[in-house]
Amino acid sequence: MKQNLFFIILILIAFSGCAEDPTPKPKAYLALEYPEAIYKTEDIAKMPFTFERNIMGKDLRTKTLKGETTSYGITIEYPKLKGTIYLTYKAINGNNSYLKTYLKNAQNFTQEHTQKADAIDEFEYLNPERSVYGMFYDVGGNAASQSQFYVTDSINHFITGSLYFYAKPNYDSILPAAHYLQKDIRRIMESLEWKK
């Protein structure tokens, strides 16, 4: 009798365990949400331009760079997002050859990411009222930089910028942060004004 009971229990376990085919669970990524951006105008004394930046970017540093013309570097750190927006200013001083060189370098720098990028989408930016003309690049995939841009007035000023995360590039996991900071980059471009 014990033997029959044992076989009945075994049969019930076997049938209940085979009710459904097992399916693997998909990889899960964090559903990150960030606070609504609050922007303030940044007017750095030695810089020949102003722009608006998100106050979430806590650590803003500037430094003078070596170059043929006046050059500055600006770093905006986002510690909570583990990302940084880098800006580089270079004076053109009415020299068309400087403008051509800076444009070529900015475009080549973006194209260097094509090996790791799935796609690079270009968005032209034109604001004739403020004399701000440029290009924004959205870099998809596991590239080192997810966004790059440049703006110029075509006569005196040229600015390049890029977004980097200090984490191994895994596009799926950094995508929410990349989209959040891309809005900040666009705000920098759209609010940029040259000082007189």
N, C-alpha and C. Protein backbone atom coordinates (compact mmCIF):
# COMPACT_ATOMS: atom_id res chain seq x y z
N MET A 1 0.81 -1.18 0.00
CA MET A 1 0.00 0.00 0.00
C MET A 1 0.87 1.27 0.00
N LYS A 2 1.95 1.24 0.78
CA LYS A 2 2.87 2.38 0.82
C LYS A 2 3.49 2.57 -0.56
N GLN A 3 3.76 1.45 -1.23
CA GLN A 3 4.37 1.52 -2.55
C GLN A 3 3.41 2.17 -3.56
N ASN A 4 2.14 1.82 -3.51
CA ASN A 4 1.14 2.40 -4.41
C ASN A 4 0.99 3.90 -4.16
N LEU A 5 0.95 4.29 -2.87
CA LEU A 5 0.84 5.71 -2.51
C LEU A 5 2.04 6.49 -3.03
N PHE A 6 3.22 5.90 -2.91
CA PHE A 6 4.44 6.54 -3.40
C PHE A 6 4.37 6.77 -4.91
N PHE A 7 3.91 5.77 -5.69
CA PHE A 7 3.81 5.91 -7.15
C PHE A 7 2.74 6.94 -7.55
N ILE A 8 1.66 7.00 -6.80
CA ILE A 8 0.61 7.98 -7.10
C ILE A 8 1.14 9.40 -6.87
N ILE A 9 1.87 9.62 -5.78
CA ILE A 9 2.46 10.95 -5.49
C ILE A 9 3.46 11.32 -6.57
N LEU A 10 4.27 10.34 -6.98
CA LEU A 10 5.26 10.60 -8.02
C LEU A 10 4.60 10.97 -9.34
N ILE A 11 3.53 10.31 -9.70
CA ILE A 11 2.80 10.60 -10.94
C ILE A 11 2.18 11.99 -10.86
N LEU A 12 1.59 12.36 -9.72
CA LEU A 12 1.01 13.70 -9.55
C LEU A 12 2.07 14.79 -9.67
N ILE A 13 3.23 14.56 -9.08
CA ILE A 13 4.32 15.55 -9.18
C ILE A 13 4.79 15.68 -10.63
N ALA A 14 4.92 14.56 -11.31
CA ALA A 14 5.38 14.58 -12.71
C ALA A 14 4.41 15.34 -13.59
N PHE A 15 3.09 15.11 -13.41
CA PHE A 15 2.10 15.79 -14.25
C PHE A 15 1.97 17.27 -13.89
N SER A 16 2.07 17.60 -12.61
CA SER A 16 1.94 19.01 -12.23
C SER A 16 3.17 19.82 -12.66
N GLY A 17 4.33 19.22 -12.73
CA GLY A 17 5.55 19.90 -13.14
C GLY A 17 5.64 20.12 -14.64
N CYS A 18 4.84 19.44 -15.40
CA CYS A 18 4.89 19.55 -16.86
C CYS A 18 3.73 20.34 -17.42
N ALA A 19 3.10 21.15 -16.60
CA ALA A 19 1.93 21.91 -17.05
C ALA A 19 2.29 22.93 -18.12
N GLU A 20 3.41 23.60 -18.01
CA GLU A 20 3.80 24.62 -18.98
C GLU A 20 5.25 24.40 -19.40
N ASP A 21 5.53 24.82 -20.62
CA ASP A 21 6.91 24.81 -21.06
C ASP A 21 7.65 25.96 -20.38
N PRO A 22 8.84 25.72 -19.89
CA PRO A 22 9.57 26.82 -19.25
C PRO A 22 10.00 27.85 -20.30
N THR A 23 9.91 29.12 -19.94
CA THR A 23 10.34 30.19 -20.84
C THR A 23 11.37 31.04 -20.12
N PRO A 24 12.44 31.40 -20.81
CA PRO A 24 13.45 32.23 -20.15
C PRO A 24 12.92 33.64 -19.92
N LYS A 25 13.31 34.22 -18.81
CA LYS A 25 12.91 35.59 -18.51
C LYS A 25 13.82 36.55 -19.25
N PRO A 26 13.24 37.65 -19.79
CA PRO A 26 14.09 38.64 -20.48
C PRO A 26 14.97 39.38 -19.49
N LYS A 27 16.09 39.90 -20.01
CA LYS A 27 16.95 40.72 -19.17
C LYS A 27 16.17 41.96 -18.73
N ALA A 28 16.37 42.35 -17.51
CA ALA A 28 15.67 43.53 -16.99
C ALA A 28 16.65 44.69 -16.87
N TYR A 29 16.18 45.87 -17.22
CA TYR A 29 16.96 47.09 -17.06
C TYR A 29 16.21 48.01 -16.13
N LEU A 30 16.94 48.84 -15.44
CA LEU A 30 16.32 49.76 -14.51
C LEU A 30 15.44 50.76 -15.25
N ALA A 31 14.27 51.00 -14.70
CA ALA A 31 13.39 52.03 -15.24
C ALA A 31 13.71 53.31 -14.47
N LEU A 32 14.68 54.05 -14.96
CA LEU A 32 15.16 55.23 -14.24
C LEU A 32 14.33 56.45 -14.60
N GLU A 33 14.06 57.25 -13.60
CA GLU A 33 13.38 58.51 -13.81
C GLU A 33 14.23 59.61 -13.20
N TYR A 34 14.27 60.74 -13.87
CA TYR A 34 15.09 61.85 -13.41
C TYR A 34 14.19 63.05 -13.16
N PRO A 35 14.63 63.95 -12.27
CA PRO A 35 13.79 65.13 -11.99
C PRO A 35 13.69 66.02 -13.23
N GLU A 36 12.62 66.78 -13.27
CA GLU A 36 12.45 67.74 -14.36
C GLU A 36 13.61 68.74 -14.30
N ALA A 37 14.16 69.02 -15.46
CA ALA A 37 15.34 69.90 -15.52
C ALA A 37 14.97 71.33 -15.16
N ILE A 38 15.83 71.96 -14.37
CA ILE A 38 15.72 73.38 -14.04
C ILE A 38 16.98 74.03 -14.61
N TYR A 39 16.80 75.02 -15.47
CA TYR A 39 17.92 75.63 -16.16
C TYR A 39 18.21 77.01 -15.60
N LYS A 40 19.51 77.35 -15.59
CA LYS A 40 19.94 78.70 -15.20
C LYS A 40 20.96 79.18 -16.21
N THR A 41 21.04 80.48 -16.39
CA THR A 41 21.99 81.06 -17.33
C THR A 41 23.38 81.03 -16.73
N GLU A 42 24.32 80.55 -17.51
CA GLU A 42 25.73 80.47 -17.10
C GLU A 42 26.48 81.57 -17.83
N ASP A 43 27.03 82.50 -17.07
CA ASP A 43 27.78 83.61 -17.65
C ASP A 43 29.16 83.62 -16.99
N ILE A 44 30.08 82.89 -17.60
CA ILE A 44 31.44 82.77 -17.06
C ILE A 44 32.24 83.97 -17.57
N ALA A 45 32.88 84.68 -16.66
CA ALA A 45 33.51 85.97 -16.97
C ALA A 45 34.40 85.95 -18.20
N LYS A 46 35.32 85.01 -18.33
CA LYS A 46 36.28 85.06 -19.45
C LYS A 46 35.73 84.45 -20.74
N MET A 47 34.58 83.78 -20.68
CA MET A 47 34.03 83.15 -21.88
C MET A 47 33.28 84.17 -22.73
N PRO A 48 33.42 84.12 -24.05
CA PRO A 48 32.74 85.08 -24.93
C PRO A 48 31.32 84.66 -25.30
N PHE A 49 30.67 83.88 -24.44
CA PHE A 49 29.31 83.44 -24.71
C PHE A 49 28.62 83.09 -23.39
N THR A 50 27.30 83.04 -23.42
CA THR A 50 26.50 82.57 -22.29
C THR A 50 25.64 81.42 -22.78
N PHE A 51 25.17 80.60 -21.86
CA PHE A 51 24.28 79.50 -22.20
C PHE A 51 23.51 79.09 -20.96
N GLU A 52 22.44 78.33 -21.15
CA GLU A 52 21.68 77.80 -20.03
C GLU A 52 22.07 76.36 -19.80
N ARG A 53 22.18 76.01 -18.50
CA ARG A 53 22.53 74.63 -18.16
C ARG A 53 21.64 74.14 -17.03
N ASN A 54 21.48 72.85 -16.99
CA ASN A 54 20.67 72.18 -15.97
C ASN A 54 21.42 72.27 -14.63
N ILE A 55 20.72 72.66 -13.57
CA ILE A 55 21.38 72.77 -12.26
C ILE A 55 21.74 71.40 -11.69
N MET A 56 21.23 70.32 -12.32
CA MET A 56 21.62 68.98 -11.88
C MET A 56 23.10 68.73 -12.18
N GLY A 57 23.64 69.45 -13.17
CA GLY A 57 25.07 69.39 -13.46
C GLY A 57 25.80 70.18 -12.39
N LYS A 58 26.28 69.49 -11.38
CA LYS A 58 26.81 70.14 -10.18
C LYS A 58 28.17 70.78 -10.35
N ASP A 59 29.08 70.07 -10.92
CA ASP A 59 30.47 70.50 -10.92
C ASP A 59 30.83 71.11 -12.27
N LEU A 60 30.85 72.42 -12.38
CA LEU A 60 31.22 73.10 -13.61
C LEU A 60 32.65 73.61 -13.45
N ARG A 61 33.54 73.15 -14.33
CA ARG A 61 34.94 73.58 -14.27
C ARG A 61 35.33 74.18 -15.60
N THR A 62 36.20 75.18 -15.54
CA THR A 62 36.71 75.81 -16.76
C THR A 62 38.23 75.83 -16.71
N LYS A 63 38.83 75.79 -17.89
CA LYS A 63 40.28 75.93 -17.95
C LYS A 63 40.67 76.51 -19.31
N THR A 64 41.80 77.19 -19.32
CA THR A 64 42.35 77.72 -20.56
C THR A 64 43.14 76.62 -21.24
N LEU A 65 42.91 76.46 -22.55
CA LEU A 65 43.59 75.42 -23.32
C LEU A 65 44.65 76.03 -24.21
N LYS A 66 45.66 75.25 -24.53
CA LYS A 66 46.66 75.71 -25.49
C LYS A 66 46.11 75.56 -26.90
N GLY A 67 46.42 76.53 -27.74
CA GLY A 67 45.95 76.47 -29.12
C GLY A 67 46.46 77.65 -29.91
N GLU A 68 46.20 77.62 -31.20
CA GLU A 68 46.64 78.73 -32.06
C GLU A 68 45.86 80.00 -31.77
N THR A 69 44.62 79.83 -31.28
CA THR A 69 43.79 80.98 -30.93
C THR A 69 43.32 80.79 -29.48
N THR A 70 42.59 81.76 -28.97
CA THR A 70 42.04 81.67 -27.63
C THR A 70 41.16 80.43 -27.53
N SER A 71 41.43 79.59 -26.54
CA SER A 71 40.69 78.33 -26.39
C SER A 71 40.40 78.07 -24.91
N TYR A 72 39.18 77.57 -24.65
CA TYR A 72 38.78 77.24 -23.30
C TYR A 72 38.09 75.87 -23.28
N GLY A 73 38.19 75.21 -22.16
CA GLY A 73 37.46 73.96 -21.93
C GLY A 73 36.50 74.13 -20.77
N ILE A 74 35.29 73.60 -20.93
CA ILE A 74 34.29 73.63 -19.87
C ILE A 74 33.81 72.20 -19.64
N THR A 75 33.76 71.80 -18.39
CA THR A 75 33.29 70.47 -18.02
C THR A 75 32.08 70.60 -17.10
N ILE A 76 30.99 69.93 -17.45
CA ILE A 76 29.79 69.92 -16.61
C ILE A 76 29.57 68.47 -16.16
N GLU A 77 29.77 68.23 -14.87
CA GLU A 77 29.65 66.88 -14.31
C GLU A 77 28.23 66.61 -13.82
N TYR A 78 27.74 65.41 -14.08
CA TYR A 78 26.46 64.94 -13.58
C TYR A 78 26.72 63.68 -12.74
N PRO A 79 27.09 63.84 -11.47
CA PRO A 79 27.48 62.69 -10.66
C PRO A 79 26.39 61.63 -10.53
N LYS A 80 25.13 62.05 -10.39
CA LYS A 80 24.05 61.07 -10.24
C LYS A 80 23.85 60.23 -11.50
N LEU A 81 24.18 60.79 -12.65
CA LEU A 81 24.01 60.07 -13.91
C LEU A 81 25.32 59.44 -14.39
N LYS A 82 26.40 59.71 -13.65
CA LYS A 82 27.73 59.23 -14.02
C LYS A 82 28.10 59.65 -15.44
N GLY A 83 27.80 60.90 -15.75
CA GLY A 83 28.09 61.42 -17.08
C GLY A 83 28.67 62.81 -17.02
N THR A 84 29.25 63.22 -18.14
CA THR A 84 29.89 64.53 -18.24
C THR A 84 29.64 65.11 -19.63
N ILE A 85 29.32 66.40 -19.68
CA ILE A 85 29.27 67.13 -20.95
C ILE A 85 30.53 67.98 -21.01
N TYR A 86 31.28 67.79 -22.09
CA TYR A 86 32.51 68.56 -22.31
C TYR A 86 32.25 69.58 -23.42
N LEU A 87 32.65 70.82 -23.17
CA LEU A 87 32.57 71.89 -24.17
C LEU A 87 33.97 72.43 -24.41
N THR A 88 34.26 72.72 -25.67
CA THR A 88 35.54 73.33 -26.03
C THR A 88 35.25 74.54 -26.91
N TYR A 89 35.75 75.69 -26.49
CA TYR A 89 35.61 76.93 -27.26
C TYR A 89 36.93 77.25 -27.95
N LYS A 90 36.83 77.66 -29.22
CA LYS A 90 38.01 78.12 -29.96
C LYS A 90 37.63 79.38 -30.74
N ALA A 91 38.48 80.38 -30.63
CA ALA A 91 38.25 81.62 -31.38
C ALA A 91 38.63 81.40 -32.85
N ILE A 92 37.84 81.98 -33.74
CA ILE A 92 38.14 81.93 -35.18
C ILE A 92 38.84 83.21 -35.62
N ASN A 93 38.46 84.33 -35.00
CA ASN A 93 39.06 85.65 -35.28
C ASN A 93 38.99 86.03 -36.75
N GLY A 94 37.89 85.69 -37.42
CA GLY A 94 37.71 86.08 -38.81
C GLY A 94 38.55 85.29 -39.80
N ASN A 95 39.27 84.28 -39.35
CA ASN A 95 40.14 83.49 -40.22
C ASN A 95 39.38 82.27 -40.73
N ASN A 96 39.05 82.28 -42.02
CA ASN A 96 38.26 81.22 -42.62
C ASN A 96 38.96 79.86 -42.58
N SER A 97 40.29 79.85 -42.61
CA SER A 97 41.00 78.56 -42.56
C SER A 97 40.84 77.90 -41.19
N TYR A 98 40.77 78.71 -40.10
CA TYR A 98 40.49 78.15 -38.79
C TYR A 98 39.11 77.49 -38.78
N LEU A 99 38.11 78.20 -39.33
CA LEU A 99 36.75 77.67 -39.36
C LEU A 99 36.71 76.33 -40.10
N LYS A 100 37.35 76.26 -41.25
CA LYS A 100 37.35 75.01 -42.04
C LYS A 100 38.01 73.88 -41.26
N THR A 101 39.12 74.17 -40.60
CA THR A 101 39.83 73.16 -39.81
C THR A 101 38.98 72.67 -38.65
N TYR A 102 38.35 73.61 -37.91
CA TYR A 102 37.53 73.24 -36.76
C TYR A 102 36.31 72.42 -37.18
N LEU A 103 35.68 72.81 -38.29
CA LEU A 103 34.54 72.05 -38.80
C LEU A 103 34.95 70.63 -39.18
N LYS A 104 36.05 70.53 -39.90
CA LYS A 104 36.54 69.22 -40.34
C LYS A 104 36.87 68.34 -39.14
N ASN A 105 37.55 68.90 -38.14
CA ASN A 105 37.91 68.14 -36.94
C ASN A 105 36.67 67.66 -36.18
N ALA A 106 35.66 68.53 -36.06
CA ALA A 106 34.43 68.16 -35.34
C ALA A 106 33.70 67.04 -36.08
N GLN A 107 33.63 67.13 -37.38
CA GLN A 107 32.94 66.09 -38.16
C GLN A 107 33.73 64.78 -38.15
N ASN A 108 35.04 64.86 -38.26
CA ASN A 108 35.86 63.64 -38.20
C ASN A 108 35.78 62.97 -36.84
N PHE A 109 35.75 63.77 -35.78
CA PHE A 109 35.66 63.23 -34.43
C PHE A 109 34.39 62.39 -34.27
N THR A 110 33.28 62.89 -34.81
CA THR A 110 32.03 62.14 -34.75
C THR A 110 32.12 60.86 -35.56
N GLN A 111 32.71 60.94 -36.73
CA GLN A 111 32.80 59.76 -37.61
C GLN A 111 33.71 58.67 -37.04
N GLU A 112 34.61 59.02 -36.13
CA GLU A 112 35.47 58.02 -35.49
C GLU A 112 34.66 57.01 -34.69
N HIS A 113 33.42 57.37 -34.32
CA HIS A 113 32.57 56.49 -33.52
C HIS A 113 31.78 55.49 -34.37
N THR A 114 31.93 55.54 -35.69
CA THR A 114 31.14 54.65 -36.55
C THR A 114 31.49 53.19 -36.36
N GLN A 115 32.68 52.87 -35.89
CA GLN A 115 33.05 51.46 -35.67
C GLN A 115 32.18 50.81 -34.60
N LYS A 116 31.86 51.52 -33.54
CA LYS A 116 31.06 50.97 -32.45
C LYS A 116 29.59 51.39 -32.51
N ALA A 117 29.29 52.45 -33.24
CA ALA A 117 27.93 52.98 -33.28
C ALA A 117 27.04 52.16 -34.20
N ASP A 118 25.77 52.01 -33.78
CA ASP A 118 24.78 51.37 -34.65
C ASP A 118 24.29 52.36 -35.70
N ALA A 119 24.20 53.62 -35.30
CA ALA A 119 23.74 54.68 -36.21
C ALA A 119 24.19 56.02 -35.66
N ILE A 120 24.37 56.98 -36.56
CA ILE A 120 24.64 58.36 -36.16
C ILE A 120 23.63 59.23 -36.89
N ASP A 121 22.72 59.83 -36.12
CA ASP A 121 21.70 60.70 -36.69
C ASP A 121 22.15 62.15 -36.54
N GLU A 122 22.04 62.92 -37.63
CA GLU A 122 22.46 64.31 -37.65
C GLU A 122 21.24 65.22 -37.62
N PHE A 123 21.33 66.28 -36.82
CA PHE A 123 20.26 67.27 -36.74
C PHE A 123 20.89 68.66 -36.87
N GLU A 124 20.54 69.35 -37.92
CA GLU A 124 21.08 70.69 -38.16
C GLU A 124 20.39 71.68 -37.23
N TYR A 125 21.17 72.65 -36.74
CA TYR A 125 20.61 73.70 -35.89
C TYR A 125 20.96 75.06 -36.50
N LEU A 126 19.93 75.88 -36.73
CA LEU A 126 20.12 77.22 -37.30
C LEU A 126 19.33 78.23 -36.49
N ASN A 127 20.02 79.27 -36.03
CA ASN A 127 19.36 80.38 -35.35
C ASN A 127 20.00 81.67 -35.86
N PRO A 128 19.51 82.18 -37.03
CA PRO A 128 20.11 83.39 -37.62
C PRO A 128 19.99 84.62 -36.73
N GLU A 129 18.94 84.70 -35.90
CA GLU A 129 18.77 85.86 -35.03
C GLU A 129 19.91 86.00 -34.04
N ARG A 130 20.44 84.87 -33.56
CA ARG A 130 21.55 84.89 -32.61
C ARG A 130 22.89 84.56 -33.27
N SER A 131 22.88 84.34 -34.56
CA SER A 131 24.09 83.93 -35.31
C SER A 131 24.70 82.66 -34.72
N VAL A 132 23.83 81.66 -34.51
CA VAL A 132 24.28 80.37 -34.00
C VAL A 132 23.87 79.30 -35.02
N TYR A 133 24.87 78.62 -35.56
CA TYR A 133 24.65 77.59 -36.58
C TYR A 133 25.44 76.36 -36.18
N GLY A 134 24.84 75.20 -36.34
CA GLY A 134 25.59 74.02 -35.94
C GLY A 134 24.92 72.72 -36.30
N MET A 135 25.43 71.66 -35.65
CA MET A 135 24.97 70.30 -35.91
C MET A 135 24.99 69.52 -34.59
N PHE A 136 23.95 68.72 -34.39
CA PHE A 136 23.85 67.83 -33.24
C PHE A 136 23.88 66.40 -33.77
N TYR A 137 24.70 65.54 -33.16
CA TYR A 137 24.83 64.14 -33.56
C TYR A 137 24.35 63.24 -32.42
N ASP A 138 23.38 62.40 -32.72
CA ASP A 138 22.90 61.39 -31.78
C ASP A 138 23.56 60.08 -32.19
N VAL A 139 24.43 59.55 -31.33
CA VAL A 139 25.21 58.35 -31.65
C VAL A 139 24.55 57.15 -30.96
N GLY A 140 24.04 56.21 -31.73
CA GLY A 140 23.38 55.03 -31.18
C GLY A 140 24.34 53.86 -31.07
N GLY A 141 24.13 53.00 -30.09
CA GLY A 141 24.97 51.83 -29.92
C GLY A 141 25.96 52.00 -28.79
N ASN A 142 26.92 51.09 -28.73
CA ASN A 142 27.89 51.06 -27.63
C ASN A 142 29.13 51.91 -27.92
N ALA A 143 28.94 53.08 -28.45
CA ALA A 143 30.05 54.00 -28.71
C ALA A 143 30.46 54.69 -27.42
N ALA A 144 31.66 55.23 -27.41
CA ALA A 144 32.17 55.90 -26.21
C ALA A 144 31.38 57.17 -25.88
N SER A 145 30.94 57.90 -26.91
CA SER A 145 30.18 59.13 -26.72
C SER A 145 28.82 58.99 -27.40
N GLN A 146 27.74 59.28 -26.66
CA GLN A 146 26.40 59.11 -27.21
C GLN A 146 25.89 60.36 -27.93
N SER A 147 26.51 61.49 -27.71
CA SER A 147 26.07 62.74 -28.34
C SER A 147 27.25 63.66 -28.55
N GLN A 148 27.22 64.35 -29.68
CA GLN A 148 28.24 65.35 -29.97
C GLN A 148 27.58 66.49 -30.73
N PHE A 149 28.19 67.65 -30.66
CA PHE A 149 27.65 68.79 -31.40
C PHE A 149 28.73 69.83 -31.63
N TYR A 150 28.41 70.74 -32.53
CA TYR A 150 29.22 71.95 -32.68
C TYR A 150 28.31 73.10 -33.05
N VAL A 151 28.70 74.31 -32.66
CA VAL A 151 28.02 75.54 -33.03
C VAL A 151 29.06 76.60 -33.34
N THR A 152 28.68 77.53 -34.21
CA THR A 152 29.59 78.60 -34.60
C THR A 152 28.77 79.80 -35.07
N ASP A 153 29.41 80.96 -35.09
CA ASP A 153 28.80 82.12 -35.74
C ASP A 153 29.41 82.31 -37.13
N SER A 154 30.32 81.44 -37.50
CA SER A 154 31.02 81.41 -38.80
C SER A 154 32.04 82.53 -38.99
N ILE A 155 32.22 83.38 -37.98
CA ILE A 155 33.15 84.51 -38.12
C ILE A 155 34.18 84.54 -37.00
N ASN A 156 33.70 84.49 -35.75
CA ASN A 156 34.59 84.68 -34.61
C ASN A 156 34.67 83.52 -33.62
N HIS A 157 33.63 82.69 -33.55
CA HIS A 157 33.53 81.71 -32.46
C HIS A 157 33.22 80.30 -32.98
N PHE A 158 33.74 79.29 -32.27
CA PHE A 158 33.45 77.90 -32.59
C PHE A 158 33.45 77.10 -31.29
N ILE A 159 32.38 76.31 -31.07
CA ILE A 159 32.26 75.49 -29.87
C ILE A 159 31.93 74.05 -30.28
N THR A 160 32.64 73.11 -29.69
CA THR A 160 32.29 71.69 -29.85
C THR A 160 31.91 71.16 -28.48
N GLY A 161 31.11 70.11 -28.50
CA GLY A 161 30.69 69.50 -27.25
C GLY A 161 30.46 68.02 -27.43
N SER A 162 30.60 67.28 -26.33
CA SER A 162 30.37 65.84 -26.38
C SER A 162 29.91 65.35 -25.01
N LEU A 163 29.21 64.22 -25.05
CA LEU A 163 28.69 63.59 -23.84
C LEU A 163 29.39 62.26 -23.64
N TYR A 164 29.92 62.06 -22.44
CA TYR A 164 30.56 60.80 -22.09
C TYR A 164 30.03 60.33 -20.75
N PHE A 165 29.94 59.01 -20.59
CA PHE A 165 29.60 58.40 -19.31
C PHE A 165 30.83 57.69 -18.79
N TYR A 166 31.07 57.77 -17.48
CA TYR A 166 32.20 57.05 -16.94
C TYR A 166 31.73 55.69 -16.45
N ALA A 167 31.31 54.92 -17.45
CA ALA A 167 30.89 53.53 -17.27
C ALA A 167 31.12 52.83 -18.60
N LYS A 168 31.23 51.51 -18.56
CA LYS A 168 31.40 50.75 -19.80
C LYS A 168 30.20 51.02 -20.70
N PRO A 169 30.42 51.35 -21.98
CA PRO A 169 29.29 51.67 -22.85
C PRO A 169 28.37 50.46 -23.06
N ASN A 170 27.20 50.50 -22.47
CA ASN A 170 26.14 49.53 -22.71
C ASN A 170 24.91 50.36 -23.01
N TYR A 171 24.64 50.54 -24.28
CA TYR A 171 23.65 51.50 -24.74
C TYR A 171 22.29 51.30 -24.08
N ASP A 172 21.87 50.05 -23.92
CA ASP A 172 20.55 49.80 -23.34
C ASP A 172 20.45 50.31 -21.91
N SER A 173 21.50 50.16 -21.14
CA SER A 173 21.43 50.56 -19.73
C SER A 173 21.64 52.07 -19.53
N ILE A 174 22.39 52.73 -20.41
CA ILE A 174 22.59 54.17 -20.23
C ILE A 174 21.63 55.01 -21.06
N LEU A 175 20.75 54.36 -21.83
CA LEU A 175 19.84 55.09 -22.72
C LEU A 175 19.00 56.15 -22.00
N PRO A 176 18.37 55.84 -20.84
CA PRO A 176 17.58 56.88 -20.18
C PRO A 176 18.43 58.10 -19.80
N ALA A 177 19.61 57.87 -19.27
CA ALA A 177 20.49 58.98 -18.90
C ALA A 177 20.96 59.74 -20.14
N ALA A 178 21.26 59.01 -21.21
CA ALA A 178 21.70 59.65 -22.46
C ALA A 178 20.60 60.55 -23.01
N HIS A 179 19.36 60.09 -23.00
CA HIS A 179 18.25 60.92 -23.49
C HIS A 179 18.06 62.16 -22.62
N TYR A 180 18.19 61.99 -21.32
CA TYR A 180 18.05 63.12 -20.40
C TYR A 180 19.11 64.18 -20.68
N LEU A 181 20.36 63.76 -20.85
CA LEU A 181 21.45 64.70 -21.07
C LEU A 181 21.45 65.26 -22.49
N GLN A 182 20.90 64.54 -23.44
CA GLN A 182 20.76 65.08 -24.80
C GLN A 182 19.85 66.31 -24.79
N LYS A 183 18.83 66.29 -23.95
CA LYS A 183 17.95 67.47 -23.82
C LYS A 183 18.74 68.65 -23.27
N ASP A 184 19.66 68.38 -22.34
CA ASP A 184 20.50 69.45 -21.79
C ASP A 184 21.43 70.01 -22.87
N ILE A 185 21.97 69.14 -23.69
CA ILE A 185 22.85 69.59 -24.78
C ILE A 185 22.08 70.47 -25.75
N ARG A 186 20.89 70.04 -26.10
CA ARG A 186 20.06 70.85 -27.02
C ARG A 186 19.74 72.20 -26.39
N ARG A 187 19.51 72.22 -25.09
CA ARG A 187 19.23 73.49 -24.40
C ARG A 187 20.45 74.39 -24.44
N ILE A 188 21.64 73.81 -24.28
CA ILE A 188 22.87 74.60 -24.38
C ILE A 188 22.95 75.25 -25.76
N MET A 189 22.70 74.45 -26.81
CA MET A 189 22.76 74.97 -28.18
C MET A 189 21.73 76.06 -28.42
N GLU A 190 20.48 75.80 -27.99
CA GLU A 190 19.38 76.72 -28.26
C GLU A 190 19.46 78.01 -27.45
N SER A 191 20.10 77.98 -26.28
CA SER A 191 20.17 79.17 -25.44
C SER A 191 21.47 79.95 -25.61
N LEU A 192 22.39 79.40 -26.37
CA LEU A 192 23.72 80.00 -26.51
C LEU A 192 23.63 81.39 -27.16
N GLU A 193 24.31 82.35 -26.54
CA GLU A 193 24.39 83.72 -27.09
C GLU A 193 25.83 84.18 -27.02
N TRP A 194 26.27 84.81 -28.10
CA TRP A 194 27.62 85.37 -28.13
C TRP A 194 27.60 86.72 -27.42
N LYS A 195 28.61 86.99 -26.62
CA LYS A 195 28.72 88.29 -25.96
C LYS A 195 29.22 89.31 -26.97
N LYS A 196 28.77 90.53 -26.84
CA LYS A 196 29.18 91.61 -27.75
C LYS A 196 30.52 92.16 -27.32
